[in-house]
PDB file of N, CA and C in Angstrom:
ATOM      1  N   UNK A   1       3.284   0.654  -2.404  1.00  0.00           N
ATOM      2  CA  UNK A   1       2.622   0.023  -1.185  1.00  0.00           C
ATOM      3  C   UNK A   1       3.092   0.937   0.086  1.00  0.00           C
ATOM      4  N   UNK A   2       2.214   1.023   1.011  1.00  0.00           N
ATOM      5  CA  UNK A   2       2.576   1.568   2.220  1.00  0.00           C
ATOM      6  C   UNK A   2       3.168   0.515   3.059  1.00  0.00           C
ATOM      7  N   UNK A   3       3.821   1.070   4.196  1.00  0.00           N
ATOM      8  CA  UNK A   3       4.497   0.188   5.122  1.00  0.00           C
ATOM      9  C   UNK A   3       3.495  -0.781   5.679  1.00  0.00           C
ATOM     10  N   UNK A   4       2.236  -0.346   6.124  1.00  0.00           N
ATOM     11  CA  UNK A   4       1.339  -1.224   6.590  1.00  0.00           C
ATOM     12  C   UNK A   4       0.871  -2.344   5.632  1.00  0.00           C
ATOM     13  N   UNK A   5       0.791  -1.917   4.478  1.00  0.00           N
ATOM     14  CA  UNK A   5       0.430  -2.934   3.397  1.00  0.00           C
ATOM     15  C   UNK A   5       1.469  -3.970   3.171  1.00  0.00           C
ATOM     16  N   UNK A   6       2.762  -3.558   3.228  1.00  0.00           N
ATOM     17  CA  UNK A   6       3.980  -4.428   3.067  1.00  0.00           C
ATOM     18  C   UNK A   6       4.009  -5.432   4.261  1.00  0.00           C
ATOM     19  N   UNK A   7       3.665  -4.989   5.471  1.00  0.00           N
ATOM     20  CA  UNK A   7       3.697  -5.750   6.722  1.00  0.00           C
ATOM     21  C   UNK A   7       2.533  -6.810   6.603  1.00  0.00           C
ATOM     22  N   UNK A   8       1.505  -6.366   6.167  1.00  0.00           N
ATOM     23  CA  UNK A   8       0.256  -7.262   6.021  1.00  0.00           C
ATOM     24  C   UNK A   8       0.561  -8.347   4.904  1.00  0.00           C
ATOM     25  N   UNK A   9       1.121  -7.908   3.821  1.00  0.00           N
ATOM     26  CA  UNK A   9       1.638  -8.920   2.798  1.00  0.00           C
ATOM     27  C   UNK A   9       2.644  -9.853   3.303  1.00  0.00           C
ATOM     28  N   UNK A  10       3.538  -9.511   4.224  1.00  0.00           N
ATOM     29  CA  UNK A  10       4.679 -10.360   4.719  1.00  0.00           C
ATOM     30  C   UNK A  10       3.939 -11.252   5.582  1.00  0.00           C
ATOM     31  N   UNK A  11       2.997 -10.860   6.483  1.00  0.00           N
ATOM     32  CA  UNK A  11       2.159 -11.679   7.313  1.00  0.00           C
ATOM     33  C   UNK A  11       1.340 -12.661   6.602  1.00  0.00           C
ATOM     34  N   UNK A  12       0.840 -12.390   5.457  1.00  0.00           N
ATOM     35  CA  UNK A  12       0.014 -13.351   4.626  1.00  0.00           C
ATOM     36  C   UNK A  12       1.012 -14.411   4.037  1.00  0.00           C
ATOM     37  N   UNK A  13       2.156 -14.023   3.652  1.00  0.00           N
ATOM     38  CA  UNK A  13       3.264 -14.990   3.255  1.00  0.00           C
ATOM     39  C   UNK A  13       3.603 -15.968   4.256  1.00  0.00           C
ATOM     40  N   UNK A  14       3.822 -15.375   5.549  1.00  0.00           N
ATOM     41  CA  UNK A  14       4.252 -16.306   6.618  1.00  0.00           C
ATOM     42  C   UNK A  14       3.015 -17.230   6.927  1.00  0.00           C
ATOM     43  N   UNK A  15       1.808 -16.866   6.807  1.00  0.00           N
ATOM     44  CA  UNK A  15       0.619 -17.673   7.047  1.00  0.00           C
ATOM     45  C   UNK A  15       0.693 -18.858   5.971  1.00  0.00           C
ATOM     46  N   UNK A  16       0.957 -18.551   4.665  1.00  0.00           N
ATOM     47  CA  UNK A  16       0.990 -19.504   3.651  1.00  0.00           C
ATOM     48  C   UNK A  16       2.194 -20.525   3.935  1.00  0.00           C
ATOM     49  N   UNK A  17       3.370 -19.930   4.378  1.00  0.00           N
ATOM     50  CA  UNK A  17       4.356 -20.805   4.761  1.00  0.00           C
ATOM     51  C   UNK A  17       4.079 -21.766   5.921  1.00  0.00           C
ATOM     52  N   UNK A  18       3.351 -21.348   6.949  1.00  0.00           N
ATOM     53  CA  UNK A  18       3.004 -22.268   8.019  1.00  0.00           C
ATOM     54  C   UNK A  18       2.049 -23.253   7.543  1.00  0.00           C
ATOM     55  N   UNK A  19       1.153 -23.021   6.530  1.00  0.00           N
ATOM     56  CA  UNK A  19       0.310 -24.011   6.016  1.00  0.00           C
ATOM     57  C   UNK A  19       1.002 -25.085   5.251  1.00  0.00           C
ATOM     58  N   UNK A  20       1.985 -24.477   4.432  1.00  0.00           N
ATOM     59  CA  UNK A  20       2.792 -25.485   3.578  1.00  0.00           C
ATOM     60  C   UNK A  20       3.620 -26.386   4.405  1.00  0.00           C
ATOM     61  N   UNK A  21       4.226 -25.727   5.640  1.00  0.00           N
ATOM     62  CA  UNK A  21       5.023 -26.604   6.501  1.00  0.00           C
ATOM     63  C   UNK A  21       4.086 -27.627   7.094  1.00  0.00           C
ATOM     64  N   UNK A  22       2.928 -27.391   7.462  1.00  0.00           N
ATOM     65  CA  UNK A  22       2.004 -28.247   7.972  1.00  0.00           C
ATOM     66  C   UNK A  22       1.782 -29.465   7.045  1.00  0.00           C
ATOM     67  N   UNK A  23       1.587 -29.128   5.638  1.00  0.00           N
ATOM     68  CA  UNK A  23       1.369 -30.274   4.619  1.00  0.00           C
ATOM     69  C   UNK A  23       2.686 -31.083   4.634  1.00  0.00           C
ATOM     70  N   UNK A  24       3.792 -30.372   4.499  1.00  0.00           N
ATOM     71  CA  UNK A  24       5.041 -31.177   4.543  1.00  0.00           C
ATOM     72  C   UNK A  24       5.152 -32.071   5.788  1.00  0.00           C
ATOM     73  N   UNK A  25       4.829 -31.461   6.883  1.00  0.00           N
ATOM     74  CA  UNK A  25       5.029 -32.224   8.123  1.00  0.00           C
ATOM     75  C   UNK A  25       4.099 -33.495   8.089  1.00  0.00           C
ATOM     76  N   UNK A  26       2.916 -33.365   7.443  1.00  0.00           N
ATOM     77  CA  UNK A  26       2.055 -34.609   7.342  1.00  0.00           C
ATOM     78  C   UNK A  26       2.595 -35.515   6.394  1.00  0.00           C
ATOM     79  N   UNK A  27       3.264 -35.093   5.358  1.00  0.00           N
ATOM     80  CA  UNK A  27       3.848 -36.068   4.342  1.00  0.00           C
ATOM     81  C   UNK A  27       5.067 -36.680   4.738  1.00  0.00           C
ATOM     82  N   UNK A  28       6.029 -35.956   5.519  1.00  0.00           N
ATOM     83  CA  UNK A  28       7.390 -36.456   5.847  1.00  0.00           C
ATOM     84  C   UNK A  28       7.249 -37.128   7.190  1.00  0.00           C
ATOM     85  N   UNK A  29       6.442 -36.589   8.057  1.00  0.00           N
ATOM     86  CA  UNK A  29       6.499 -37.059   9.463  1.00  0.00           C
ATOM     87  C   UNK A  29       6.810 -35.979  10.458  1.00  0.00           C
ATOM     88  N   UNK A  30       6.159 -35.823  11.400  1.00  0.00           N
ATOM     89  CA  UNK A  30       6.486 -34.571  12.362  1.00  0.00           C
ATOM     90  C   UNK A  30       7.808 -34.735  13.229  1.00  0.00           C
ATOM     91  N   UNK A  31       8.224 -35.853  13.312  1.00  0.00           N
ATOM     92  CA  UNK A  31       9.387 -35.933  14.317  1.00  0.00           C
ATOM     93  C   UNK A  31      10.889 -35.801  13.605  1.00  0.00           C
ATOM     94  N   UNK A  32      10.926 -35.561  12.360  1.00  0.00           N
ATOM     95  CA  UNK A  32      12.097 -35.355  11.575  1.00  0.00           C
ATOM     96  C   UNK A  32      12.765 -34.034  11.982  1.00  0.00           C
ATOM     97  N   UNK A  33      14.140 -34.168  12.117  1.00  0.00           N
ATOM     98  CA  UNK A  33      14.900 -32.912  12.524  1.00  0.00           C
ATOM     99  C   UNK A  33      14.721 -31.842  11.559  1.00  0.00           C
ATOM    100  N   UNK A  34      14.682 -32.209  10.265  1.00  0.00           N
ATOM    101  CA  UNK A  34      14.470 -31.052   9.302  1.00  0.00           C
ATOM    102  C   UNK A  34      13.129 -30.199   9.245  1.00  0.00           C
ATOM    103  N   UNK A  35      12.211 -30.947   9.620  1.00  0.00           N
ATOM    104  CA  UNK A  35      10.728 -30.319   9.706  1.00  0.00           C
ATOM    105  C   UNK A  35      10.730 -29.572  10.963  1.00  0.00           C
ATOM    106  N   UNK A  36      11.244 -30.067  12.049  1.00  0.00           N
ATOM    107  CA  UNK A  36      11.384 -29.251  13.246  1.00  0.00           C
ATOM    108  C   UNK A  36      12.059 -27.864  12.995  1.00  0.00           C
ATOM    109  N   UNK A  37      13.212 -28.009  12.276  1.00  0.00           N
ATOM    110  CA  UNK A  37      14.095 -26.956  12.137  1.00  0.00           C
ATOM    111  C   UNK A  37      13.404 -25.904  11.283  1.00  0.00           C
ATOM    112  N   UNK A  38      12.723 -26.390  10.151  1.00  0.00           N
ATOM    113  CA  UNK A  38      12.010 -25.411   9.319  1.00  0.00           C
ATOM    114  C   UNK A  38      10.856 -24.752  10.104  1.00  0.00           C
ATOM    115  N   UNK A  39      10.100 -25.568  10.966  1.00  0.00           N
ATOM    116  CA  UNK A  39       9.004 -24.989  11.682  1.00  0.00           C
ATOM    117  C   UNK A  39       9.496 -23.975  12.682  1.00  0.00           C
ATOM    118  N   UNK A  40      10.705 -24.186  13.352  1.00  0.00           N
ATOM    119  CA  UNK A  40      11.336 -23.279  14.353  1.00  0.00           C
ATOM    120  C   UNK A  40      11.652 -21.970  13.546  1.00  0.00           C
ATOM    121  N   UNK A  41      12.285 -22.195  12.352  1.00  0.00           N
ATOM    122  CA  UNK A  41      12.685 -20.944  11.693  1.00  0.00           C
ATOM    123  C   UNK A  41      11.511 -20.130  11.242  1.00  0.00           C
ATOM    124  N   UNK A  42      10.471 -20.840  10.869  1.00  0.00           N
ATOM    125  CA  UNK A  42       9.285 -20.021  10.483  1.00  0.00           C
ATOM    126  C   UNK A  42       8.620 -19.267  11.709  1.00  0.00           C
ATOM    127  N   UNK A  43       8.594 -19.903  12.938  1.00  0.00           N
ATOM    128  CA  UNK A  43       8.162 -19.321  14.070  1.00  0.00           C
ATOM    129  C   UNK A  43       8.959 -18.085  14.530  1.00  0.00           C
ATOM    130  N   UNK A  44      10.312 -18.111  14.211  1.00  0.00           N
ATOM    131  CA  UNK A  44      11.231 -17.007  14.545  1.00  0.00           C
ATOM    132  C   UNK A  44      10.835 -15.929  13.550  1.00  0.00           C
ATOM    133  N   UNK A  45      10.662 -16.288  12.313  1.00  0.00           N
ATOM    134  CA  UNK A  45      10.176 -15.082  11.385  1.00  0.00           C
ATOM    135  C   UNK A  45       9.107 -14.473  11.810  1.00  0.00           C
ATOM    136  N   UNK A  46       8.051 -15.229  12.305  1.00  0.00           N
ATOM    137  CA  UNK A  46       6.694 -14.711  12.672  1.00  0.00           C
ATOM    138  C   UNK A  46       6.913 -13.668  14.000  1.00  0.00           C
ATOM    139  N   UNK A  47       7.837 -14.204  14.818  1.00  0.00           N
ATOM    140  CA  UNK A  47       8.098 -13.435  16.082  1.00  0.00           C
ATOM    141  C   UNK A  47       8.827 -11.930  15.607  1.00  0.00           C
ATOM    142  N   UNK A  48       9.814 -12.220  14.638  1.00  0.00           N
ATOM    143  CA  UNK A  48      10.406 -10.993  14.235  1.00  0.00           C
ATOM    144  C   UNK A  48       9.591 -10.039  13.537  1.00  0.00           C
ATOM    145  N   UNK A  49       8.584 -10.598  12.718  1.00  0.00           N
ATOM    146  CA  UNK A  49       7.681  -9.710  12.065  1.00  0.00           C
ATOM    147  C   UNK A  49       6.711  -8.950  13.035  1.00  0.00           C
ATOM    148  N   UNK A  50       6.297  -9.563  14.038  1.00  0.00           N
ATOM    149  CA  UNK A  50       5.482  -9.162  15.189  1.00  0.00           C
ATOM    150  C   UNK A  50       6.330  -7.872  15.777  1.00  0.00           C
ATOM    151  N   UNK A  51       7.432  -8.147  16.110  1.00  0.00           N
ATOM    152  CA  UNK A  51       8.295  -7.142  16.637  1.00  0.00           C
ATOM    153  C   UNK A  51       8.606  -5.972  15.761  1.00  0.00           C
ATOM    154  N   UNK A  52       8.704  -6.218  14.545  1.00  0.00           N
ATOM    155  CA  UNK A  52       8.834  -5.087  13.502  1.00  0.00           C
ATOM    156  C   UNK A  52       7.547  -4.327  13.377  1.00  0.00           C
ATOM    157  N   UNK A  53       6.437  -5.037  13.486  1.00  0.00           N
ATOM    158  CA  UNK A  53       5.073  -4.295  13.452  1.00  0.00           C
ATOM    159  C   UNK A  53       4.923  -3.470  14.709  1.00  0.00           C
ATOM    160  N   UNK A  54       5.330  -3.858  15.744  1.00  0.00           N
ATOM    161  CA  UNK A  54       5.410  -3.174  17.035  1.00  0.00           C
ATOM    162  C   UNK A  54       6.018  -1.812  17.002  1.00  0.00           C
ATOM    163  N   UNK A  55       7.239  -1.834  16.393  1.00  0.00           N
ATOM    164  CA  UNK A  55       8.194  -0.699  16.461  1.00  0.00           C
ATOM    165  C   UNK A  55       7.971   0.294  15.348  1.00  0.00           C
ATOM    166  N   UNK A  56       6.985  -0.198  14.384  1.00  0.00           N
ATOM    167  CA  UNK A  56       6.861   0.898  13.321  1.00  0.00           C
ATOM    168  C   UNK A  56       5.718   1.759  13.717  1.00  0.00           C
ATOM    169  N   UNK A  57       5.669   3.043  13.320  1.00  0.00           N
ATOM    170  CA  UNK A  57       4.591   3.899  13.628  1.00  0.00           C
ATOM    171  C   UNK A  57       3.417   3.583  13.079  1.00  0.00           C
ATOM    172  N   UNK A  58       2.189   3.786  13.787  1.00  0.00           N
ATOM    173  CA  UNK A  58       0.924   3.401  13.164  1.00  0.00           C
ATOM    174  C   UNK A  58       0.487   4.312  12.122  1.00  0.00           C
ATOM    175  N   UNK A  59      -0.146   3.892  11.164  1.00  0.00           N
ATOM    176  CA  UNK A  59      -0.568   4.729  10.080  1.00  0.00           C
ATOM    177  C   UNK A  59      -1.449   5.801  10.516  1.00  0.00           C
ATOM    178  N   UNK A  60      -1.134   7.099  10.387  1.00  0.00           N
ATOM    179  CA  UNK A  60      -1.978   8.071  10.857  1.00  0.00           C
ATOM    180  C   UNK A  60      -2.549   8.832   9.591  1.00  0.00           C
ATOM    181  N   UNK A  61      -3.829   9.289   9.748  1.00  0.00           N
ATOM    182  CA  UNK A  61      -4.450   9.939   8.527  1.00  0.00           C
ATOM    183  C   UNK A  61      -3.700  11.183   8.242  1.00  0.00           C
ATOM    184  N   UNK A  62      -3.688  11.309   6.907  1.00  0.00           N
ATOM    185  CA  UNK A  62      -3.036  12.450   6.281  1.00  0.00           C
ATOM    186  C   UNK A  62      -3.684  13.915   6.861  1.00  0.00           C
ATOM    187  N   UNK A  63      -2.801  14.823   7.226  1.00  0.00           N
ATOM    188  CA  UNK A  63      -3.293  16.045   7.586  1.00  0.00           C
ATOM    189  C   UNK A  63      -3.962  16.741   6.415  1.00  0.00           C
ATOM    190  N   UNK A  64      -5.119  17.500   6.659  1.00  0.00           N
ATOM    191  CA  UNK A  64      -5.778  18.143   5.658  1.00  0.00           C
ATOM    192  C   UNK A  64      -5.222  19.662   5.638  1.00  0.00           C
ATOM    193  N   UNK A  65      -4.976  20.007   4.525  1.00  0.00           N
ATOM    194  CA  UNK A  65      -4.583  21.472   4.233  1.00  0.00           C
ATOM    195  C   UNK A  65      -5.773  22.295   3.683  1.00  0.00           C
ATOM    196  N   UNK A  66      -6.111  23.258   4.363  1.00  0.00           N
ATOM    197  CA  UNK A  66      -7.309  24.080   3.894  1.00  0.00           C
ATOM    198  C   UNK A  66      -6.784  25.221   3.022  1.00  0.00           C
ATOM    199  N   UNK A  67      -7.406  25.396   1.874  1.00  0.00           N
ATOM    200  CA  UNK A  67      -7.009  26.377   0.952  1.00  0.00           C
ATOM    201  C   UNK A  67      -8.159  27.315   0.756  1.00  0.00           C
ATOM    202  N   UNK A  68      -7.869  28.689   1.068  1.00  0.00           N
ATOM    203  CA  UNK A  68      -8.950  29.705   0.962  1.00  0.00           C
ATOM    204  C   UNK A  68      -9.085  30.191  -0.396  1.00  0.00           C
ATOM    205  N   UNK A  69     -10.263  30.097  -0.807  1.00  0.00           N
ATOM    206  CA  UNK A  69     -10.605  30.630  -2.208  1.00  0.00           C
ATOM    207  C   UNK A  69     -11.342  31.943  -2.168  1.00  0.00           C
ATOM    208  N   UNK A  70     -10.731  32.937  -2.705  1.00  0.00           N
ATOM    209  CA  UNK A  70     -11.273  34.287  -2.622  1.00  0.00           C
ATOM    210  C   UNK A  70     -12.743  34.359  -3.298  1.00  0.00           C
ATOM    211  N   UNK A  71     -13.572  35.372  -2.849  1.00  0.00           N
ATOM    212  CA  UNK A  71     -14.925  35.526  -3.269  1.00  0.00           C
ATOM    213  C   UNK A  71     -14.847  36.418  -4.649  1.00  0.00           C
ATOM    214  N   UNK A  72     -13.898  37.202  -4.871  1.00  0.00           N
ATOM    215  CA  UNK A  72     -13.853  38.001  -5.986  1.00  0.00           C
ATOM    216  C   UNK A  72     -13.628  37.163  -7.189  1.00  0.00           C
ATOM    217  N   UNK A  73     -14.028  37.639  -8.458  1.00  0.00           N
ATOM    218  CA  UNK A  73     -13.758  36.924  -9.599  1.00  0.00           C
ATOM    219  C   UNK A  73     -12.470  37.037 -10.116  1.00  0.00           C
ATOM    220  N   UNK A  74     -12.051  36.005 -10.814  1.00  0.00           N
ATOM    221  CA  UNK A  74     -10.593  35.860 -11.337  1.00  0.00           C
ATOM    222  C   UNK A  74     -10.386  36.871 -12.304  1.00  0.00           C
ATOM    223  N   UNK A  75      -9.124  37.398 -12.596  1.00  0.00           N
ATOM    224  CA  UNK A  75      -8.695  38.324 -13.633  1.00  0.00           C
ATOM    225  C   UNK A  75      -8.809  37.607 -14.931  1.00  0.00           C
ATOM    226  N   UNK A  76      -9.761  38.286 -15.900  1.00  0.00           N
ATOM    227  CA  UNK A  76     -10.113  37.601 -17.123  1.00  0.00           C
ATOM    228  C   UNK A  76      -8.814  37.472 -17.964  1.00  0.00           C
ATOM    229  N   UNK A  77      -7.783  38.322 -17.790  1.00  0.00           N
ATOM    230  CA  UNK A  77      -6.614  38.464 -18.649  1.00  0.00           C
ATOM    231  C   UNK A  77      -5.823  37.011 -18.388  1.00  0.00           C
ATOM    232  N   UNK A  78      -6.190  36.311 -17.431  1.00  0.00           N
ATOM    233  CA  UNK A  78      -5.412  35.093 -17.092  1.00  0.00           C
ATOM    234  C   UNK A  78      -5.808  34.127 -18.198  1.00  0.00           C
ATOM    235  N   UNK A  79      -6.971  34.255 -18.768  1.00  0.00           N
ATOM    236  CA  UNK A  79      -7.602  33.191 -19.748  1.00  0.00           C
ATOM    237  C   UNK A  79      -7.598  33.502 -21.062  1.00  0.00           C
ATOM    238  N   UNK A  80      -6.808  34.530 -21.622  1.00  0.00           N
ATOM    239  CA  UNK A  80      -6.832  34.974 -22.929  1.00  0.00           C
ATOM    240  C   UNK A  80      -6.210  33.981 -23.918  1.00  0.00           C
ATOM    241  N   UNK A  81      -5.266  33.163 -23.541  1.00  0.00           N
ATOM    242  CA  UNK A  81      -4.685  32.192 -24.523  1.00  0.00           C
ATOM    243  C   UNK A  81      -5.293  30.787 -24.215  1.00  0.00           C
ATOM    244  N   UNK A  82      -6.237  30.680 -23.484  1.00  0.00           N
ATOM    245  CA  UNK A  82      -6.862  29.337 -23.086  1.00  0.00           C
ATOM    246  C   UNK A  82      -8.084  29.072 -24.154  1.00  0.00           C
ATOM    247  N   UNK A  83      -8.182  27.840 -24.470  1.00  0.00           N
ATOM    248  CA  UNK A  83      -9.492  27.413 -25.345  1.00  0.00           C
ATOM    249  C   UNK A  83     -10.578  27.296 -24.436  1.00  0.00           C
ATOM    250  N   UNK A  84     -11.817  27.459 -24.960  1.00  0.00           N
ATOM    251  CA  UNK A  84     -12.878  27.054 -24.188  1.00  0.00           C
ATOM    252  C   UNK A  84     -12.947  25.586 -24.317  1.00  0.00           C
ATOM    253  N   UNK A  85     -13.173  24.931 -23.288  1.00  0.00           N
ATOM    254  CA  UNK A  85     -13.071  23.427 -23.336  1.00  0.00           C
ATOM    255  C   UNK A  85     -14.205  22.880 -24.133  1.00  0.00           C
ATOM    256  N   UNK A  86     -13.942  22.178 -25.155  1.00  0.00           N
ATOM    257  CA  UNK A  86     -14.825  21.616 -25.906  1.00  0.00           C
ATOM    258  C   UNK A  86     -15.531  22.356 -26.969  1.00  0.00           C
ATOM    259  N   UNK A  87     -15.279  23.766 -26.979  1.00  0.00           N
ATOM    260  CA  UNK A  87     -15.882  24.618 -27.771  1.00  0.00           C
ATOM    261  C   UNK A  87     -14.859  25.222 -28.861  1.00  0.00           C
ATOM    262  N   UNK A  88     -13.603  25.122 -28.640  1.00  0.00           N
ATOM    263  CA  UNK A  88     -12.588  25.544 -29.557  1.00  0.00           C
ATOM    264  C   UNK A  88     -12.208  26.912 -29.278  1.00  0.00           C
ATOM    265  N   UNK A  89     -11.442  27.463 -30.094  1.00  0.00           N
ATOM    266  CA  UNK A  89     -10.923  28.907 -29.827  1.00  0.00           C
ATOM    267  C   UNK A  89     -11.888  29.837 -30.290  1.00  0.00           C
ATOM    268  N   UNK A  90     -12.188  30.912 -29.586  1.00  0.00           N
ATOM    269  CA  UNK A  90     -13.066  32.022 -30.019  1.00  0.00           C
ATOM    270  C   UNK A  90     -12.666  32.640 -31.304  1.00  0.00           C
ATOM    271  N   UNK A  91     -13.486  32.710 -32.298  1.00  0.00           N
ATOM    272  CA  UNK A  91     -13.170  33.398 -33.564  1.00  0.00           C
ATOM    273  C   UNK A  91     -12.880  32.443 -34.746  1.00  0.00           C
ATOM    274  N   UNK A  92     -12.509  31.247 -34.319  1.00  0.00           N
ATOM    275  CA  UNK A  92     -12.218  30.136 -35.301  1.00  0.00           C
ATOM    276  C   UNK A  92     -13.390  29.222 -35.561  1.00  0.00           C
ATOM    277  N   UNK A  93     -13.488  28.782 -36.784  1.00  0.00           N
ATOM    278  CA  UNK A  93     -14.595  27.884 -37.086  1.00  0.00           C
ATOM    279  C   UNK A  93     -14.171  26.533 -37.405  1.00  0.00           C
ATOM    280  N   UNK A  94     -14.999  25.584 -37.359  1.00  0.00           N
ATOM    281  CA  UNK A  94     -14.716  24.162 -37.572  1.00  0.00           C
ATOM    282  C   UNK A  94     -14.496  23.950 -39.063  1.00  0.00           C
ATOM    283  N   UNK A  95     -13.745  23.119 -39.495  1.00  0.00           N
ATOM    284  CA  UNK A  95     -13.510  22.907 -41.003  1.00  0.00           C
ATOM    285  C   UNK A  95     -14.730  22.369 -41.684  1.00  0.00           C
TER     286      UNK A  95
END
């Protein structure tokens, strides 16, 4: 996974955590110290992730490397030990 994908996955997890905390808050009650503490901690995580996202370099497209292909034909001696793909070796017959 790339850095951008990892940050996006972490953001999704924090979104899931916020929804879960909301459901817990509805079940337990919004005024309890524990729920407030968990909500505050999750908000701190969200802020920290936003800061991390800001300081990471933006994903830049990969630079293309151009390869020059010569116009002259290849030296046939390079292919003396190679099989013709799908045809078998020259001079041999199928069983």
